[in-house]
Protein backbone atom coordinates (compact mmCIF):
# COMPACT_ATOMS: atom_id res chain seq x y z
CA MET A 1 2.18 -39.85 20.64
CA LEU A 2 -0.60 -38.24 18.71
CA ILE A 3 0.14 -34.82 20.18
CA SER A 4 3.74 -35.01 19.63
CA HIS A 5 3.35 -36.16 15.95
CA ARG A 6 0.84 -33.44 15.24
CA THR A 7 3.11 -30.86 16.88
CA SER A 8 6.01 -32.05 14.55
CA VAL A 9 3.63 -31.74 11.53
CA VAL A 10 2.73 -28.23 12.59
CA ALA A 11 6.34 -27.20 13.27
CA ARG A 12 7.49 -28.48 9.86
CA LEU A 13 4.61 -26.83 7.90
CA GLY A 14 4.84 -23.60 9.94
CA THR A 15 8.63 -23.33 9.26
CA ALA A 16 8.04 -23.88 5.38
CA GLN A 17 5.30 -21.41 5.39
CA THR A 18 7.64 -18.82 7.18
CA LEU A 19 10.09 -19.42 4.33
CA ALA A 20 7.34 -19.11 1.64
CA TRP A 21 6.01 -15.77 2.98
CA ALA A 22 9.30 -14.35 3.61
CA SER A 23 10.50 -14.94 0.08
CA SER A 24 7.42 -13.71 -1.72
CA TYR A 25 4.96 -11.52 0.03
CA TYR A 26 7.58 -9.73 2.26
CA LEU A 27 10.33 -9.64 -0.55
CA PRO A 28 9.34 -6.28 -2.43
CA ALA A 29 9.48 -4.08 0.80
CA MET A 30 13.19 -4.73 0.99
CA LEU A 31 14.31 -5.08 -2.56
CA ALA A 32 11.77 -2.95 -4.72
CA THR A 33 14.12 0.06 -4.55
CA ALA A 34 17.21 -1.79 -5.67
CA MET A 35 15.19 -3.74 -8.31
CA ALA A 36 13.89 -0.54 -9.79
CA ALA A 37 17.35 1.24 -9.90
CA ASP A 38 18.92 -1.77 -11.56
CA LEU A 39 16.20 -2.55 -14.07
CA GLY A 40 15.69 1.14 -15.01
CA VAL A 41 11.97 1.09 -13.99
CA SER A 42 10.06 2.94 -11.21
CA VAL A 43 9.46 1.34 -7.83
CA THR A 44 5.73 1.74 -8.73
CA THR A 45 6.50 -0.62 -11.49
CA VAL A 46 8.10 -3.26 -9.26
CA PHE A 47 5.04 -3.10 -6.86
CA ALA A 48 2.78 -3.47 -9.97
CA ALA A 49 4.53 -6.66 -10.85
CA PHE A 50 3.98 -7.83 -7.32
CA SER A 51 0.25 -6.91 -7.64
CA PHE A 52 0.21 -9.02 -10.82
CA ALA A 53 1.51 -12.01 -8.88
CA LEU A 54 -1.41 -11.46 -6.27
CA ILE A 55 -3.92 -11.46 -9.35
CA VAL A 56 -2.36 -14.55 -10.67
CA SER A 57 -2.62 -16.26 -7.29
CA ALA A 58 -6.35 -15.44 -7.22
CA VAL A 59 -6.74 -17.01 -10.55
CA PHE A 60 -4.99 -20.32 -9.61
CA GLY A 61 -6.11 -20.26 -6.13
CA ARG A 62 -9.19 -22.76 -6.58
CA TRP A 63 -7.26 -24.99 -8.92
CA ALA A 64 -4.57 -25.44 -6.19
CA GLY A 65 -7.21 -26.20 -3.66
CA GLN A 66 -8.88 -28.79 -5.80
CA LEU A 67 -5.35 -30.51 -6.25
CA ILE A 68 -4.99 -30.81 -2.53
CA ASP A 69 -8.47 -32.17 -2.18
CA HIS A 70 -7.66 -34.86 -4.69
CA HIS A 71 -4.03 -35.54 -4.00
CA GLY A 72 -3.27 -34.09 -0.53
CA GLY A 73 -1.07 -31.23 0.47
CA ARG A 74 2.31 -32.85 0.42
CA PRO A 75 2.79 -33.21 -3.39
CA VAL A 76 1.34 -29.80 -4.04
CA LEU A 77 3.44 -28.13 -1.38
CA ILE A 78 6.59 -29.89 -2.72
CA GLY A 79 5.66 -28.54 -6.34
CA THR A 80 5.39 -24.91 -4.90
CA ASN A 81 8.87 -25.04 -3.58
CA LEU A 82 10.05 -25.78 -7.15
CA LEU A 83 7.91 -23.08 -8.55
CA PHE A 84 9.04 -20.59 -5.88
CA ALA A 85 12.77 -21.43 -6.61
CA ALA A 86 12.20 -21.13 -10.39
CA GLY A 87 10.39 -17.72 -9.97
CA LEU A 88 13.07 -16.39 -7.84
CA VAL A 89 15.82 -17.46 -10.29
CA ALA A 90 13.86 -15.92 -13.00
CA LEU A 91 13.44 -12.68 -11.00
CA ALA A 92 17.22 -12.71 -10.40
CA LEU A 93 17.89 -13.00 -14.06
CA ALA A 94 15.45 -10.36 -15.21
CA GLN A 95 16.79 -7.57 -17.36
CA GLY A 96 13.68 -5.41 -17.98
CA PRO A 97 9.98 -5.01 -17.11
CA VAL A 98 8.81 -7.86 -19.21
CA LEU A 99 10.77 -10.61 -17.50
CA LEU A 100 10.02 -8.82 -14.22
CA PHE A 101 6.34 -9.35 -14.67
CA LEU A 102 6.85 -12.90 -16.00
CA ALA A 103 8.96 -13.78 -13.06
CA TRP A 104 6.50 -12.45 -10.54
CA GLY A 105 3.64 -14.13 -12.45
CA LEU A 106 5.53 -17.42 -11.80
CA ILE A 107 6.01 -16.62 -8.08
CA GLY A 108 2.11 -15.83 -7.99
CA VAL A 109 1.35 -19.28 -9.21
CA ALA A 110 3.53 -20.53 -6.32
CA MET A 111 1.84 -18.25 -3.89
CA ALA A 112 -1.64 -19.69 -5.13
CA ALA A 113 -0.59 -23.10 -3.93
CA GLY A 114 2.07 -22.58 -1.32
CA LEU A 115 0.84 -20.05 1.27
CA TYR A 116 -1.74 -20.09 4.03
CA ASP A 117 -4.69 -21.43 1.99
CA ALA A 118 -2.83 -24.44 0.75
CA ALA A 119 -1.47 -25.06 4.32
CA PHE A 120 -4.86 -24.88 5.88
CA ALA A 121 -6.39 -27.11 3.16
CA THR A 122 -3.50 -29.58 3.91
CA LEU A 123 -4.24 -29.54 7.65
CA VAL A 124 -8.01 -29.88 7.05
CA ARG A 125 -7.42 -33.02 4.87
CA LEU A 126 -5.25 -34.52 7.50
CA TYR A 127 -7.25 -33.63 10.52
CA GLY A 128 -10.70 -32.88 9.27
CA HIS A 129 -12.97 -30.93 11.81
CA ASP A 130 -10.10 -31.20 14.45
CA ALA A 131 -7.76 -28.95 12.45
CA ARG A 132 -8.51 -25.72 14.25
CA SER A 133 -5.69 -25.86 16.61
CA SER A 134 -3.23 -26.93 14.12
CA ILE A 135 -4.16 -23.99 11.79
CA THR A 136 -3.53 -21.63 14.79
CA GLY A 137 -0.28 -23.33 15.41
CA ILE A 138 1.16 -22.66 11.86
CA THR A 139 0.20 -19.06 11.98
CA LEU A 140 1.85 -18.65 15.23
CA ILE A 141 5.13 -19.79 13.61
CA ALA A 142 4.75 -18.12 10.35
CA GLY A 143 3.53 -14.90 11.98
CA PHE A 144 7.31 -14.28 12.40
CA ALA A 145 7.86 -14.40 8.59
CA SER A 146 8.29 -10.42 8.38
CA THR A 147 10.28 -10.44 11.57
CA VAL A 148 12.80 -13.22 10.05
CA GLY A 149 12.42 -12.23 6.35
CA TRP A 150 12.88 -8.47 6.35
CA PRO A 151 16.22 -8.43 8.08
CA LEU A 152 17.50 -11.55 6.26
CA THR A 153 16.53 -10.10 2.93
CA ALA A 154 18.26 -6.77 3.87
CA TRP A 155 21.42 -8.55 4.93
CA LEU A 156 21.43 -10.69 1.76
CA GLU A 157 20.93 -7.58 -0.40
CA LEU A 158 23.78 -5.81 1.31
CA GLU A 159 26.10 -8.78 0.97
CA PHE A 160 25.21 -10.18 -2.45
CA GLY A 161 22.96 -7.48 -4.14
CA TRP A 162 19.26 -7.90 -4.77
CA ARG A 163 19.86 -10.58 -7.39
CA GLY A 164 21.96 -12.60 -5.07
CA ALA A 165 19.27 -12.33 -2.41
CA CYS A 166 16.64 -13.78 -4.69
CA LEU A 167 19.22 -16.73 -5.62
CA CYS A 168 19.71 -17.31 -1.85
CA TRP A 169 15.90 -17.45 -1.25
CA ALA A 170 15.57 -19.88 -4.14
CA GLY A 171 18.29 -22.02 -2.62
CA LEU A 172 16.56 -22.06 0.64
CA HIS A 173 13.38 -23.21 -1.03
CA LEU A 174 15.30 -26.28 -2.46
CA LEU A 175 17.54 -27.14 0.63
CA LEU A 176 15.03 -26.22 3.49
CA GLY A 177 11.49 -25.86 2.18
CA LEU A 178 11.32 -28.82 -0.09
CA PRO A 179 12.54 -31.35 2.46
CA LEU A 180 10.07 -29.90 5.09
CA ASN A 181 7.09 -30.35 2.83
CA ALA A 182 8.26 -33.72 1.57
CA SER A 183 8.43 -35.04 5.28
CA LEU A 184 4.72 -34.25 5.74
CA PRO A 185 2.19 -37.23 6.08
CA ARG A 186 0.87 -38.46 2.79
CA SER A 187 -2.65 -39.11 4.36
CA ALA A 188 -4.80 -38.83 7.42
CA ALA A 189 -3.92 -42.30 8.38
CA ALA A 190 -0.15 -41.62 8.13
CA SER A 191 -0.78 -38.55 10.33
CA GLY A 192 -1.72 -40.75 13.24
CA VAL A 193 -5.64 -40.01 13.17
CA SER A 194 -8.67 -41.70 11.93
CA PRO A 195 -9.43 -40.49 8.31
CA VAL A 196 -12.87 -39.33 9.59
CA PRO A 197 -12.06 -37.50 12.86
CA ALA A 198 -14.75 -36.92 15.51
CA VAL A 199 -16.49 -33.57 15.19
CA SER A 200 -15.21 -31.07 17.86
CA PRO A 201 -17.67 -29.34 20.17
CA THR A 202 -17.29 -26.13 18.37
CA ALA A 203 -17.93 -27.62 14.87
CA ALA A 204 -20.99 -26.73 13.01
CA PRO A 205 -23.03 -29.28 11.01
CA VAL A 206 -22.15 -29.27 7.34
CA ALA A 207 -24.38 -27.02 5.40
CA PRO A 208 -26.97 -29.02 3.35
CA PRO A 209 -26.88 -29.02 -0.40
CA GLY A 210 -28.30 -25.79 -1.77
CA ALA A 211 -27.69 -23.76 1.37
CA THR A 212 -24.21 -22.69 0.72
CA PHE A 213 -24.78 -19.68 -1.66
CA TRP A 214 -25.24 -16.89 0.82
CA PRO A 215 -22.64 -18.27 3.32
CA THR A 216 -20.11 -18.29 0.37
CA ILE A 217 -21.12 -14.74 -0.56
CA LEU A 218 -20.80 -13.46 2.83
CA LEU A 219 -17.63 -15.07 3.64
CA SER A 220 -15.96 -13.94 0.39
CA LEU A 221 -17.12 -10.40 1.33
CA VAL A 222 -15.60 -10.69 4.90
CA PHE A 223 -12.23 -11.99 3.51
CA ALA A 224 -12.19 -9.41 0.81
CA VAL A 225 -12.65 -6.38 3.13
CA THR A 226 -10.44 -7.68 5.86
CA TRP A 227 -7.64 -8.43 3.62
CA PHE A 228 -7.93 -5.05 1.83
CA THR A 229 -7.35 -3.41 5.17
CA SER A 230 -4.59 -5.78 6.19
CA THR A 231 -2.67 -5.03 3.09
CA ALA A 232 -3.41 -1.28 3.09
CA MET A 233 -1.99 -0.97 6.66
CA ALA A 234 1.11 -3.23 5.69
CA ALA A 235 1.88 -0.51 2.95
CA HIS A 236 0.82 2.69 4.56
CA LEU A 237 0.80 2.45 8.35
CA PRO A 238 3.76 4.50 9.13
CA SER A 239 2.71 7.37 6.90
CA LEU A 240 -0.91 7.07 8.19
CA LEU A 241 0.41 7.43 11.76
CA GLN A 242 2.41 10.48 10.69
CA ALA A 243 -0.64 11.99 9.30
CA HIS A 244 -2.00 11.92 12.77
CA GLY A 245 0.80 13.91 14.18
CA LEU A 246 3.43 11.31 15.07
CA THR A 247 7.07 11.74 14.01
CA LEU A 248 8.67 9.17 11.58
CA ALA A 249 10.50 7.59 14.46
CA ALA A 250 7.52 7.18 16.55
CA ALA A 251 5.44 5.94 13.61
CA LEU A 252 7.91 3.24 12.76
CA ALA A 253 8.19 2.22 16.27
CA LEU A 254 4.55 1.70 16.73
CA ALA A 255 4.25 -0.03 13.29
CA ALA A 256 6.69 -2.61 14.50
CA LEU A 257 4.08 -3.48 17.13
CA VAL A 258 1.85 -4.98 14.65
CA GLY A 259 3.66 -8.34 14.37
CA PRO A 260 3.81 -8.89 18.09
CA ALA A 261 0.22 -7.90 18.54
CA GLN A 262 -0.77 -10.48 15.76
CA VAL A 263 1.15 -13.29 17.54
CA ALA A 264 -0.25 -12.36 21.01
CA ALA A 265 -3.73 -12.45 19.70
CA ARG A 266 -3.16 -15.77 18.20
CA LEU A 267 -1.73 -17.12 21.40
CA LEU A 268 -5.08 -15.94 22.92
CA GLU A 269 -7.02 -17.72 20.20
CA PHE A 270 -5.03 -20.78 20.88
CA GLY A 271 -5.87 -20.62 24.52
CA PHE A 272 -9.02 -18.85 25.77
CA LEU A 273 -10.87 -18.33 22.34
CA ARG A 274 -10.37 -21.95 21.21
CA LYS A 275 -13.32 -22.70 23.55
CA VAL A 276 -15.70 -20.46 21.64
CA HIS A 277 -17.16 -20.57 18.20
CA PRO A 278 -14.71 -19.28 15.51
CA LEU A 279 -17.54 -17.01 14.43
CA LEU A 280 -17.45 -14.96 17.64
CA SER A 281 -13.59 -14.66 17.28
CA ALA A 282 -13.96 -13.35 13.79
CA GLN A 283 -16.65 -10.87 14.86
CA LEU A 284 -14.41 -9.49 17.73
CA ALA A 285 -11.44 -9.42 15.47
CA THR A 286 -13.25 -7.62 12.70
CA ALA A 287 -14.37 -5.01 15.09
CA ALA A 288 -10.92 -4.29 16.53
CA HIS A 289 -9.68 -2.06 13.53
CA PRO A 290 -12.78 0.16 13.27
CA LEU A 291 -12.71 0.61 17.00
CA GLY A 292 -9.11 1.60 17.04
CA ALA A 293 -9.40 3.79 13.81
CA VAL A 294 -12.40 5.85 15.37
CA LEU A 295 -10.51 6.28 18.67
CA LEU A 296 -7.34 7.67 16.69
CA MET A 297 -9.42 10.07 14.47
CA VAL A 298 -11.28 11.22 17.67
CA VAL A 299 -8.49 11.38 20.17
CA GLY A 300 -5.54 11.78 17.78
CA GLY A 301 -1.99 10.77 18.38
CA PRO A 302 -2.32 9.66 22.01
CA ALA A 303 -4.53 6.79 20.81
CA ALA A 304 -2.06 5.70 18.10
CA LEU A 305 -0.56 2.92 20.37
CA LEU A 306 -4.08 1.50 21.06
CA PHE A 307 -5.07 1.69 17.35
CA THR A 308 -1.86 -0.23 16.34
CA VAL A 309 -2.37 -2.93 18.90
CA LEU A 310 -6.10 -3.50 18.09
CA HIS A 311 -5.31 -3.49 14.41
CA GLY A 312 -2.41 -5.95 14.85
CA ALA A 313 -4.55 -8.21 17.21
CA GLY A 314 -7.61 -8.24 14.99
CA ASN A 315 -5.53 -9.10 11.90
CA GLY A 316 -3.86 -11.90 13.69
CA ILE A 317 -6.99 -13.59 14.66
CA LEU A 318 -8.66 -13.02 11.33
CA THR A 319 -5.73 -14.98 9.58
CA ILE A 320 -6.91 -17.88 11.70
CA ALA A 321 -10.64 -17.32 10.86
CA LYS A 322 -9.87 -17.47 7.17
CA GLY A 323 -8.98 -21.11 7.81
CA THR A 324 -11.42 -22.10 10.45
CA LEU A 325 -14.64 -20.55 9.39
CA PRO A 326 -15.02 -22.43 6.04
CA LEU A 327 -14.32 -25.59 8.03
CA VAL A 328 -17.04 -25.12 10.62
CA ILE A 329 -19.59 -23.80 8.21
CA PHE A 330 -19.17 -26.24 5.19
CA GLY A 331 -17.31 -29.00 6.76
CA PRO A 332 -13.92 -30.74 5.55
CA LYS A 333 -15.27 -32.03 2.34
CA GLY A 334 -13.92 -30.18 -0.71
CA TYR A 335 -12.38 -27.62 1.58
CA GLY A 336 -9.38 -26.81 -0.60
CA ALA A 337 -11.40 -25.98 -3.73
CA ARG A 338 -13.90 -23.95 -1.57
CA GLN A 339 -11.11 -22.11 0.14
CA GLY A 340 -9.64 -21.19 -3.17
CA LEU A 341 -12.99 -19.88 -4.33
CA LEU A 342 -13.60 -17.87 -1.09
CA MET A 343 -10.18 -16.23 -1.34
CA VAL A 344 -10.36 -14.98 -5.07
CA PRO A 345 -12.00 -11.51 -4.08
CA ALA A 346 -9.66 -11.24 -1.15
CA ARG A 347 -6.46 -11.65 -3.23
CA VAL A 348 -7.88 -9.21 -5.92
CA ALA A 349 -8.56 -6.79 -3.08
CA GLN A 350 -4.95 -7.28 -1.80
CA ALA A 351 -3.59 -6.40 -5.24
CA PHE A 352 -5.23 -3.11 -5.33
CA ALA A 353 -5.31 -2.23 -1.70
CA PRO A 354 -1.92 -0.32 -1.61
CA LEU A 355 -2.86 1.91 -4.62
CA VAL A 356 -6.47 2.61 -3.55
CA PHE A 357 -5.62 3.46 0.11
CA GLY A 358 -2.58 5.45 -1.01
CA LEU A 359 -4.94 7.68 -3.03
CA ALA A 360 -7.22 7.98 -0.03
CA ILE A 361 -4.35 9.20 2.01
CA ASP A 362 -3.35 11.67 -0.65
CA ARG A 363 -6.81 13.12 -0.65
CA LEU A 364 -7.97 12.68 3.02
CA GLY A 365 -4.74 12.52 4.89
CA GLY A 366 -5.44 10.80 8.33
CA GLY A 367 -9.21 10.90 7.43
CA ALA A 368 -8.37 7.82 5.08
CA LEU A 369 -9.10 5.77 8.03
CA TRP A 370 -12.90 6.26 7.44
CA VAL A 371 -12.31 4.04 4.31
CA SER A 372 -10.95 1.22 6.35
CA THR A 373 -13.50 1.82 9.06
CA GLY A 374 -16.22 1.72 6.70
CA VAL A 375 -15.22 -1.46 5.05
CA GLY A 376 -14.40 -3.02 8.39
CA LEU A 377 -18.09 -2.38 9.44
CA VAL A 378 -19.37 -3.89 6.18
CA GLY A 379 -17.35 -7.00 7.17
CA LEU A 380 -18.81 -7.09 10.63
CA ALA A 381 -22.23 -6.79 9.36
CA ALA A 382 -21.73 -9.69 7.03
CA LEU A 383 -20.62 -11.93 9.98
CA VAL A 384 -23.69 -10.86 11.91
CA TRP A 385 -25.98 -11.71 8.90
CA LEU A 386 -24.11 -15.01 8.75
CA GLN A 387 -24.72 -15.86 12.20
CA ARG A 388 -28.48 -15.00 12.04
CA SER A 389 -28.85 -16.81 8.76
CA GLY A 390 -28.73 -20.09 10.60
CA SER A 391 -25.77 -21.52 8.66
CA VAL A 392 -23.72 -21.86 11.88
CA VAL A 393 -24.05 -23.06 15.37
CA ARG A 394 -24.97 -20.19 17.70
């Protein structure tokens, strides 16, 4: 009964997360050109508005986590469905750059309380230390957000225009996302487990008071550099592969493998890697992109497939690590607020990654991978330091 009930919770929350990601993070890739043409602004301005939404989400992230700590995830996630719907309606009604930025700002507030960080905090409040497999479960489902969202958004834009597409996504938040989040358990007791679950074999003791400063700094650094690379690759991977000699068709075909590689790596984490400490999983995942990047820069085009798969696999596991590492290092108490704090630098890095890495490609061509390799090695060094600091079980 426990397994089936938890599986149901994960399925509902994962489906709601798929909707939230598809209608926010993955929306500009399909609609930016049409928005820009209709509003009389540049495509760069549309993406600047999206970057503004990411900055807003960084500002409100900790506040959203505190709300989940105090009231549970169910009411907060319900509220985000209303905010997403309102922001998408406002976006559909925008007539110029001012309303464009205001609408994306509202969507940014919803993103702060409605994407993975909030979902992870919801699961931790329900299942405590035992939330690791549930966190992996929702990332397995929502890992297909781009696979579902991009073609659906493209079809909606073709049938109803970009404004109609935004209105359709808003309707889905009210008709699908809101009922899914409203069906989540109100408390740990309602979820069918003890409010204070037993500590799993891989869970670390909670860090004592006064011992959280350096782990907080190091995890914030890890999340910032890895999410910088993830967002940079999401925006520039095809052009980066072309800079290494691939044709456009080959570059697009390889870039499409990132999603399946992410899901495959999450399945690996759900199976074999669930038996090891999350810190080891994170170290392996953080090393994957630099390893693939160096191979691509040394070998050239023939290594492009391996680079793409390594990047996707590492990114897939790091998404899970973002939820599990704070849990095993700090424990479940105050998880939501701490998660919001840890992710502030990462969200700011996300906002500027497309611009910064785009400038690197303009100046260095395929050599821009040295930038992502460098920051990846910084993240790996931070994880090694974290392990040696004694803040986690080794």
